């Protein structure tokens, strides 16, 4: 996986976590992803539903302690 793809996945994951904590809703396996927008590296906002929904797959992963010296 390239650094660019990893960065995109990490930003999406963290954004969804923030949305979940702020909304009080719980997302379960198989649930539809909430609507969200994120800033891109090309100085524009990316709207998940408008730009990606139905065109690409979204995979959210979590690696506990991935960046810690264990």
C-alpha atoms as a PDB file:
ATOM      1  CA  UNK A   1       0.000   0.000   0.000  1.00  0.00           C
ATOM      2  CA  UNK A   2       1.405   3.388  -0.935  1.00  0.00           C
ATOM      3  CA  UNK A   3       1.844   6.196   1.578  1.00  0.00           C
ATOM      4  CA  UNK A   4      -0.791   8.276  -0.239  1.00  0.00           C
ATOM      5  CA  UNK A   5      -3.429   5.519   0.008  1.00  0.00           C
ATOM      6  CA  UNK A   6      -2.566   4.897   3.643  1.00  0.00           C
ATOM      7  CA  UNK A   7      -2.932   8.608   4.408  1.00  0.00           C
ATOM      8  CA  UNK A   8      -6.343   8.728   2.738  1.00  0.00           C
ATOM      9  CA  UNK A   9      -7.560   5.668   4.672  1.00  0.00           C
ATOM     10  CA  UNK A  10      -6.259   7.124   7.933  1.00  0.00           C
ATOM     11  CA  UNK A  11      -7.975  10.479   7.351  1.00  0.00           C
ATOM     12  CA  UNK A  12     -11.262   8.770   6.480  1.00  0.00           C
ATOM     13  CA  UNK A  13     -11.037   6.509   9.533  1.00  0.00           C
ATOM     14  CA  UNK A  14     -10.312   9.355  11.938  1.00  0.00           C
ATOM     15  CA  UNK A  15     -13.046  11.525  10.417  1.00  0.00           C
ATOM     16  CA  UNK A  16     -15.637   8.783  10.829  1.00  0.00           C
ATOM     17  CA  UNK A  17     -14.573   8.257  14.448  1.00  0.00           C
ATOM     18  CA  UNK A  18     -15.061  11.988  15.090  1.00  0.00           C
ATOM     19  CA  UNK A  19     -18.477  11.903  13.398  1.00  0.00           C
ATOM     20  CA  UNK A  20     -19.556   8.914  15.486  1.00  0.00           C
ATOM     21  CA  UNK A  21     -18.468  10.502  18.751  1.00  0.00           C
ATOM     22  CA  UNK A  22     -20.212  13.771  17.913  1.00  0.00           C
ATOM     23  CA  UNK A  23     -23.456  12.207  16.692  1.00  0.00           C
ATOM     24  CA  UNK A  24     -23.917   9.667  19.476  1.00  0.00           C
ATOM     25  CA  UNK A  25     -24.805   7.043  16.837  1.00  0.00           C
ATOM     26  CA  UNK A  26     -23.190   3.642  16.667  1.00  0.00           C
ATOM     27  CA  UNK A  27     -22.177   2.153  13.308  1.00  0.00           C
ATOM     28  CA  UNK A  28     -22.457  -1.609  13.024  1.00  0.00           C
ATOM     29  CA  UNK A  29     -21.111  -3.999  10.402  1.00  0.00           C
ATOM     30  CA  UNK A  30     -23.177  -3.644   7.250  1.00  0.00           C
ATOM     31  CA  UNK A  31     -24.487  -0.155   8.101  1.00  0.00           C
ATOM     32  CA  UNK A  32     -24.268   2.553   5.474  1.00  0.00           C
ATOM     33  CA  UNK A  33     -21.440   5.036   6.059  1.00  0.00           C
ATOM     34  CA  UNK A  34     -22.500   8.478   7.294  1.00  0.00           C
ATOM     35  CA  UNK A  35     -22.227  11.424   4.935  1.00  0.00           C
ATOM     36  CA  UNK A  36     -18.989  13.360   5.379  1.00  0.00           C
ATOM     37  CA  UNK A  37     -16.649  15.765   3.601  1.00  0.00           C
ATOM     38  CA  UNK A  38     -12.879  15.989   3.971  1.00  0.00           C
ATOM     39  CA  UNK A  39     -10.230  18.406   2.704  1.00  0.00           C
ATOM     40  CA  UNK A  40      -8.108  16.953  -0.096  1.00  0.00           C
ATOM     41  CA  UNK A  41      -4.458  17.485  -0.915  1.00  0.00           C
ATOM     42  CA  UNK A  42      -5.609  19.489  -3.985  1.00  0.00           C
ATOM     43  CA  UNK A  43      -7.163  22.277  -1.831  1.00  0.00           C
ATOM     44  CA  UNK A  44     -10.798  21.250  -2.305  1.00  0.00           C
ATOM     45  CA  UNK A  45     -13.423  19.490  -0.217  1.00  0.00           C
ATOM     46  CA  UNK A  46     -14.159  15.864  -1.068  1.00  0.00           C
ATOM     47  CA  UNK A  47     -17.763  14.782  -0.513  1.00  0.00           C
ATOM     48  CA  UNK A  48     -17.899  11.017   0.062  1.00  0.00           C
ATOM     49  CA  UNK A  49     -21.421  10.541  -1.338  1.00  0.00           C
ATOM     50  CA  UNK A  50     -21.013  12.837  -4.336  1.00  0.00           C
ATOM     51  CA  UNK A  51     -17.477  11.812  -5.328  1.00  0.00           C
ATOM     52  CA  UNK A  52     -17.105   8.172  -4.228  1.00  0.00           C
ATOM     53  CA  UNK A  53     -20.361   6.469  -3.141  1.00  0.00           C
ATOM     54  CA  UNK A  54     -21.282   3.700  -5.571  1.00  0.00           C
ATOM     55  CA  UNK A  55     -18.032   4.146  -7.526  1.00  0.00           C
ATOM     56  CA  UNK A  56     -15.422   2.855  -5.069  1.00  0.00           C
ATOM     57  CA  UNK A  57     -15.319   0.608  -2.016  1.00  0.00           C
ATOM     58  CA  UNK A  58     -14.581   2.111   1.385  1.00  0.00           C
ATOM     59  CA  UNK A  59     -12.579  -0.014   3.806  1.00  0.00           C
ATOM     60  CA  UNK A  60     -12.026   1.206   7.346  1.00  0.00           C
ATOM     61  CA  UNK A  61      -9.407  -0.544   9.426  1.00  0.00           C
ATOM     62  CA  UNK A  62      -8.019  -0.077  12.897  1.00  0.00           C
ATOM     63  CA  UNK A  63      -4.514  -1.032  13.995  1.00  0.00           C
ATOM     64  CA  UNK A  64      -4.192  -0.682  17.765  1.00  0.00           C
ATOM     65  CA  UNK A  65      -0.701   0.353  18.823  1.00  0.00           C
ATOM     66  CA  UNK A  66       0.429   0.647  15.180  1.00  0.00           C
ATOM     67  CA  UNK A  67       2.516   3.748  15.839  1.00  0.00           C
ATOM     68  CA  UNK A  68       3.666   3.001  19.369  1.00  0.00           C
ATOM     69  CA  UNK A  69       6.937   1.418  20.497  1.00  0.00           C
ATOM     70  CA  UNK A  70       5.733  -1.921  21.871  1.00  0.00           C
END
